[in-house]
């Protein structure tokens, strides 16, 4: 089976249930432990950087990745850190795509 970072995000058209329960736990276990599942609804992680420029460069790389995957996180750039929040808006919760993108972001 392919690891998350080897998969591609697929367009979500809605009409599917968000991940929950055991299935959600299984996906969460595949990510770096610094990712948090918040209220069973979204993924959250902060990346530390030494300065603003490093964070900005990272945000730009994440943006390019998000465009190529067709799945877009919320990004907050602050001095010394970038905060990423992921969820699938069409289903108002977590989908496999969120975990795929999180794994690919960690690879950056």
N, C-alpha and C. Protein backbone atom coordinates (compact mmCIF):
# COMPACT_ATOMS: atom_id res chain seq x y z
N UNK A 1 0.84 -1.18 0.00
CA UNK A 1 0.00 0.00 0.00
C UNK A 1 0.89 1.26 0.00
N UNK A 2 0.52 2.23 -0.79
CA UNK A 2 1.28 3.48 -0.88
C UNK A 2 1.15 4.27 0.41
N UNK A 3 2.25 4.92 0.79
CA UNK A 3 2.18 5.81 1.95
C UNK A 3 1.41 7.06 1.54
N UNK A 4 0.95 7.81 2.54
CA UNK A 4 0.14 8.99 2.26
C UNK A 4 0.84 9.97 1.33
N UNK A 5 2.13 10.18 1.54
CA UNK A 5 2.84 11.17 0.72
C UNK A 5 3.08 10.71 -0.71
N UNK A 6 2.73 9.46 -1.02
CA UNK A 6 2.85 8.95 -2.39
C UNK A 6 1.51 8.98 -3.12
N UNK A 7 0.44 9.28 -2.42
CA UNK A 7 -0.89 9.36 -3.02
C UNK A 7 -1.14 10.76 -3.56
N UNK A 8 -2.19 10.90 -4.34
CA UNK A 8 -2.63 12.19 -4.86
C UNK A 8 -3.99 12.53 -4.28
N UNK A 9 -4.21 13.80 -4.03
CA UNK A 9 -5.53 14.24 -3.61
C UNK A 9 -6.49 14.07 -4.79
N UNK A 10 -7.70 13.66 -4.47
CA UNK A 10 -8.74 13.52 -5.49
C UNK A 10 -9.83 14.54 -5.21
N UNK A 11 -10.42 15.10 -6.25
CA UNK A 11 -11.46 16.11 -6.02
C UNK A 11 -12.59 15.54 -5.17
N UNK A 12 -12.97 16.29 -4.15
CA UNK A 12 -14.08 15.89 -3.29
C UNK A 12 -15.29 16.71 -3.71
N UNK A 13 -16.33 16.03 -4.11
CA UNK A 13 -17.53 16.71 -4.57
C UNK A 13 -18.60 16.80 -3.49
N UNK A 14 -18.25 16.41 -2.29
CA UNK A 14 -19.23 16.40 -1.21
C UNK A 14 -20.03 15.11 -1.24
N UNK A 15 -21.02 15.03 -0.38
CA UNK A 15 -21.88 13.85 -0.34
C UNK A 15 -21.25 12.64 0.33
N UNK A 16 -20.06 12.80 0.92
CA UNK A 16 -19.44 11.72 1.67
C UNK A 16 -19.31 12.16 3.11
N UNK A 17 -19.30 11.21 3.98
CA UNK A 17 -19.18 11.51 5.40
C UNK A 17 -17.72 11.81 5.74
N UNK A 18 -17.49 12.78 6.61
CA UNK A 18 -16.13 13.02 7.09
C UNK A 18 -15.60 11.80 7.84
N UNK A 19 -14.30 11.67 7.87
CA UNK A 19 -13.68 10.59 8.65
C UNK A 19 -14.03 10.77 10.12
N UNK A 20 -14.27 9.66 10.80
CA UNK A 20 -14.61 9.70 12.22
C UNK A 20 -14.21 8.38 12.86
N UNK A 21 -14.19 8.38 14.18
CA UNK A 21 -13.97 7.16 14.94
C UNK A 21 -12.65 6.47 14.62
N UNK A 22 -12.71 5.15 14.49
CA UNK A 22 -11.53 4.33 14.25
C UNK A 22 -10.82 4.71 12.96
N UNK A 23 -11.58 5.00 11.94
CA UNK A 23 -10.99 5.35 10.64
C UNK A 23 -10.17 6.65 10.76
N UNK A 24 -10.70 7.62 11.48
CA UNK A 24 -9.99 8.87 11.71
C UNK A 24 -8.71 8.61 12.51
N UNK A 25 -8.79 7.78 13.51
CA UNK A 25 -7.62 7.44 14.33
C UNK A 25 -6.55 6.75 13.50
N UNK A 26 -6.96 5.88 12.59
CA UNK A 26 -6.00 5.18 11.74
C UNK A 26 -5.24 6.16 10.85
N UNK A 27 -5.94 7.10 10.26
CA UNK A 27 -5.26 8.10 9.43
C UNK A 27 -4.35 8.99 10.27
N UNK A 28 -4.84 9.42 11.42
CA UNK A 28 -4.04 10.29 12.29
C UNK A 28 -2.73 9.61 12.69
N UNK A 29 -2.78 8.31 12.91
CA UNK A 29 -1.59 7.56 13.31
C UNK A 29 -0.53 7.51 12.21
N UNK A 30 -0.91 7.79 10.98
CA UNK A 30 0.03 7.77 9.86
C UNK A 30 0.81 9.07 9.71
N UNK A 31 0.39 10.10 10.43
CA UNK A 31 1.06 11.40 10.35
C UNK A 31 2.08 11.58 11.46
N UNK A 32 2.98 12.51 11.25
CA UNK A 32 3.91 12.95 12.28
C UNK A 32 3.10 13.34 13.51
N UNK A 33 3.61 13.00 14.67
CA UNK A 33 2.87 13.24 15.93
C UNK A 33 2.67 14.72 16.22
N UNK A 34 3.34 15.60 15.51
CA UNK A 34 3.16 17.03 15.74
C UNK A 34 1.89 17.58 15.09
N UNK A 35 1.24 16.77 14.24
CA UNK A 35 -0.07 17.13 13.73
C UNK A 35 -1.10 16.80 14.79
N UNK A 36 -2.05 17.69 14.99
CA UNK A 36 -3.14 17.45 15.95
C UNK A 36 -4.46 17.40 15.21
N UNK A 37 -5.31 16.47 15.62
CA UNK A 37 -6.70 16.46 15.14
C UNK A 37 -7.49 17.27 16.16
N UNK A 38 -8.12 18.34 15.70
CA UNK A 38 -8.85 19.24 16.57
C UNK A 38 -10.35 18.98 16.43
N UNK A 39 -10.96 18.59 17.55
CA UNK A 39 -12.41 18.35 17.61
C UNK A 39 -12.91 17.39 16.53
N UNK A 40 -12.04 16.49 16.06
CA UNK A 40 -12.45 15.55 15.02
C UNK A 40 -12.78 16.23 13.71
N UNK A 41 -12.45 17.51 13.58
CA UNK A 41 -12.87 18.32 12.43
C UNK A 41 -11.75 18.78 11.52
N UNK A 42 -10.58 19.11 12.09
CA UNK A 42 -9.50 19.60 11.25
C UNK A 42 -8.14 19.22 11.83
N UNK A 43 -7.14 19.31 10.96
CA UNK A 43 -5.75 19.06 11.34
C UNK A 43 -5.05 20.38 11.57
N UNK A 44 -4.12 20.38 12.52
CA UNK A 44 -3.41 21.61 12.88
C UNK A 44 -1.96 21.28 13.18
N UNK A 45 -1.07 22.16 12.69
CA UNK A 45 0.34 22.01 13.02
C UNK A 45 1.04 23.35 12.89
N UNK A 46 2.02 23.57 13.76
CA UNK A 46 2.87 24.75 13.68
C UNK A 46 4.28 24.31 13.30
N UNK A 47 4.88 25.05 12.38
CA UNK A 47 6.26 24.81 11.96
C UNK A 47 7.10 25.99 12.42
N UNK A 48 8.14 25.76 13.21
CA UNK A 48 9.01 26.87 13.66
C UNK A 48 10.05 27.23 12.60
N UNK A 49 10.40 28.52 12.55
CA UNK A 49 11.45 29.01 11.65
C UNK A 49 12.27 30.04 12.39
N UNK A 50 13.50 30.22 11.94
CA UNK A 50 14.39 31.17 12.57
C UNK A 50 14.03 32.62 12.27
N UNK A 51 13.39 32.83 11.13
CA UNK A 51 13.05 34.21 10.77
C UNK A 51 11.85 34.22 9.81
N UNK A 52 11.41 35.41 9.48
CA UNK A 52 10.25 35.59 8.63
C UNK A 52 10.49 35.05 7.22
N UNK A 53 11.65 35.31 6.66
CA UNK A 53 11.97 34.88 5.29
C UNK A 53 11.86 33.37 5.13
N UNK A 54 12.38 32.61 6.09
CA UNK A 54 12.29 31.15 6.01
C UNK A 54 10.83 30.71 6.04
N UNK A 55 10.04 31.32 6.90
CA UNK A 55 8.61 31.00 6.95
C UNK A 55 7.91 31.34 5.65
N UNK A 56 8.24 32.49 5.09
CA UNK A 56 7.63 32.91 3.82
C UNK A 56 8.00 31.95 2.70
N UNK A 57 9.24 31.54 2.63
CA UNK A 57 9.66 30.57 1.62
C UNK A 57 8.89 29.26 1.76
N UNK A 58 8.71 28.82 3.00
CA UNK A 58 7.95 27.59 3.26
C UNK A 58 6.49 27.76 2.82
N UNK A 59 5.88 28.89 3.15
CA UNK A 59 4.49 29.15 2.75
C UNK A 59 4.37 29.09 1.24
N UNK A 60 5.31 29.66 0.53
CA UNK A 60 5.27 29.63 -0.94
C UNK A 60 5.38 28.21 -1.47
N UNK A 61 6.23 27.40 -0.85
CA UNK A 61 6.35 25.98 -1.28
C UNK A 61 5.06 25.22 -0.98
N UNK A 62 4.46 25.47 0.18
CA UNK A 62 3.18 24.83 0.51
C UNK A 62 2.11 25.27 -0.47
N UNK A 63 2.11 26.55 -0.84
CA UNK A 63 1.14 27.05 -1.81
C UNK A 63 1.26 26.35 -3.16
N UNK A 64 2.48 26.17 -3.62
CA UNK A 64 2.69 25.46 -4.90
C UNK A 64 2.21 24.01 -4.81
N UNK A 65 2.53 23.37 -3.70
CA UNK A 65 2.07 21.99 -3.48
C UNK A 65 0.54 21.94 -3.46
N UNK A 66 -0.08 22.84 -2.74
CA UNK A 66 -1.54 22.87 -2.64
C UNK A 66 -2.18 23.04 -4.02
N UNK A 67 -1.62 23.93 -4.82
CA UNK A 67 -2.14 24.12 -6.17
C UNK A 67 -2.01 22.84 -7.00
N UNK A 68 -0.87 22.17 -6.89
CA UNK A 68 -0.67 20.95 -7.68
C UNK A 68 -1.60 19.83 -7.23
N UNK A 69 -1.97 19.82 -5.95
CA UNK A 69 -2.86 18.78 -5.42
C UNK A 69 -4.34 19.17 -5.52
N UNK A 70 -4.61 20.45 -5.77
CA UNK A 70 -6.00 20.90 -5.82
C UNK A 70 -6.68 20.86 -4.47
N UNK A 71 -5.89 21.01 -3.42
CA UNK A 71 -6.42 20.96 -2.05
C UNK A 71 -5.67 22.03 -1.25
N UNK A 72 -6.40 22.92 -0.62
CA UNK A 72 -5.79 24.15 -0.11
C UNK A 72 -5.97 24.30 1.40
N UNK A 73 -4.85 24.41 2.13
CA UNK A 73 -4.90 24.60 3.58
C UNK A 73 -5.07 26.08 3.93
N UNK A 74 -5.42 26.33 5.17
CA UNK A 74 -5.35 27.68 5.72
C UNK A 74 -3.93 27.84 6.26
N UNK A 75 -3.27 28.91 5.87
CA UNK A 75 -1.89 29.18 6.25
C UNK A 75 -1.82 30.50 7.01
N UNK A 76 -1.10 30.50 8.13
CA UNK A 76 -0.84 31.72 8.87
C UNK A 76 0.66 31.86 9.02
N UNK A 77 1.17 32.97 8.51
CA UNK A 77 2.60 33.25 8.58
C UNK A 77 2.83 34.31 9.66
N UNK A 78 3.67 33.99 10.61
CA UNK A 78 4.07 34.92 11.67
C UNK A 78 5.58 34.89 11.75
N UNK A 79 6.16 35.86 12.43
CA UNK A 79 7.60 35.82 12.61
C UNK A 79 7.94 34.58 13.42
N UNK A 80 8.76 33.71 12.85
CA UNK A 80 9.22 32.53 13.57
C UNK A 80 8.35 31.31 13.47
N UNK A 81 7.19 31.40 12.78
CA UNK A 81 6.37 30.19 12.66
C UNK A 81 5.35 30.32 11.53
N UNK A 82 4.95 29.15 11.06
CA UNK A 82 3.86 29.02 10.10
C UNK A 82 2.87 28.03 10.71
N UNK A 83 1.61 28.41 10.73
CA UNK A 83 0.55 27.54 11.23
C UNK A 83 -0.28 27.06 10.05
N UNK A 84 -0.53 25.76 10.03
CA UNK A 84 -1.32 25.16 8.95
C UNK A 84 -2.53 24.47 9.55
N UNK A 85 -3.68 24.76 8.95
CA UNK A 85 -4.93 24.11 9.32
C UNK A 85 -5.54 23.50 8.06
N UNK A 86 -5.94 22.26 8.16
CA UNK A 86 -6.49 21.51 7.03
C UNK A 86 -7.83 20.89 7.37
N UNK A 87 -8.78 21.02 6.49
CA UNK A 87 -10.01 20.24 6.51
C UNK A 87 -10.65 20.39 5.14
N UNK A 88 -11.62 19.55 4.85
CA UNK A 88 -12.28 19.58 3.56
C UNK A 88 -13.60 20.33 3.71
N UNK A 89 -13.65 21.49 3.12
CA UNK A 89 -14.80 22.38 3.28
C UNK A 89 -16.10 21.77 2.77
N UNK A 90 -16.04 21.04 1.66
CA UNK A 90 -17.26 20.49 1.06
C UNK A 90 -17.96 19.48 1.95
N UNK A 91 -17.22 18.86 2.86
CA UNK A 91 -17.87 17.90 3.77
C UNK A 91 -17.80 18.40 5.21
N UNK A 92 -17.25 19.59 5.41
CA UNK A 92 -17.11 20.20 6.73
C UNK A 92 -16.48 19.24 7.74
N UNK A 93 -15.39 18.66 7.32
CA UNK A 93 -14.66 17.74 8.19
C UNK A 93 -13.44 17.18 7.48
N UNK A 94 -12.92 16.11 8.01
CA UNK A 94 -11.68 15.53 7.50
C UNK A 94 -11.94 14.43 6.47
N UNK A 95 -11.10 14.45 5.45
CA UNK A 95 -11.14 13.51 4.34
C UNK A 95 -9.72 12.97 4.16
N UNK A 96 -9.57 11.89 3.46
CA UNK A 96 -8.25 11.35 3.19
C UNK A 96 -7.33 12.42 2.58
N UNK A 97 -7.87 13.30 1.74
CA UNK A 97 -7.06 14.35 1.12
C UNK A 97 -6.31 15.20 2.14
N UNK A 98 -6.93 15.48 3.27
CA UNK A 98 -6.29 16.30 4.29
C UNK A 98 -5.04 15.61 4.83
N UNK A 99 -5.10 14.33 4.99
CA UNK A 99 -3.97 13.56 5.51
C UNK A 99 -2.88 13.41 4.44
N UNK A 100 -3.29 13.26 3.20
CA UNK A 100 -2.33 13.20 2.10
C UNK A 100 -1.55 14.52 2.03
N UNK A 101 -2.28 15.64 2.05
CA UNK A 101 -1.59 16.93 1.94
C UNK A 101 -0.71 17.18 3.16
N UNK A 102 -1.16 16.81 4.34
CA UNK A 102 -0.34 16.98 5.55
C UNK A 102 0.98 16.20 5.42
N UNK A 103 0.90 14.98 4.96
CA UNK A 103 2.11 14.16 4.79
C UNK A 103 3.04 14.76 3.75
N UNK A 104 2.49 15.30 2.68
CA UNK A 104 3.31 15.91 1.64
C UNK A 104 3.93 17.21 2.14
N UNK A 105 3.21 17.97 2.94
CA UNK A 105 3.77 19.20 3.51
C UNK A 105 4.96 18.85 4.40
N UNK A 106 4.83 17.81 5.20
CA UNK A 106 5.95 17.39 6.06
C UNK A 106 7.17 17.02 5.23
N UNK A 107 6.98 16.53 4.06
CA UNK A 107 8.08 16.14 3.18
C UNK A 107 8.85 17.36 2.65
N UNK A 108 8.19 18.52 2.62
CA UNK A 108 8.86 19.74 2.14
C UNK A 108 10.01 20.07 3.05
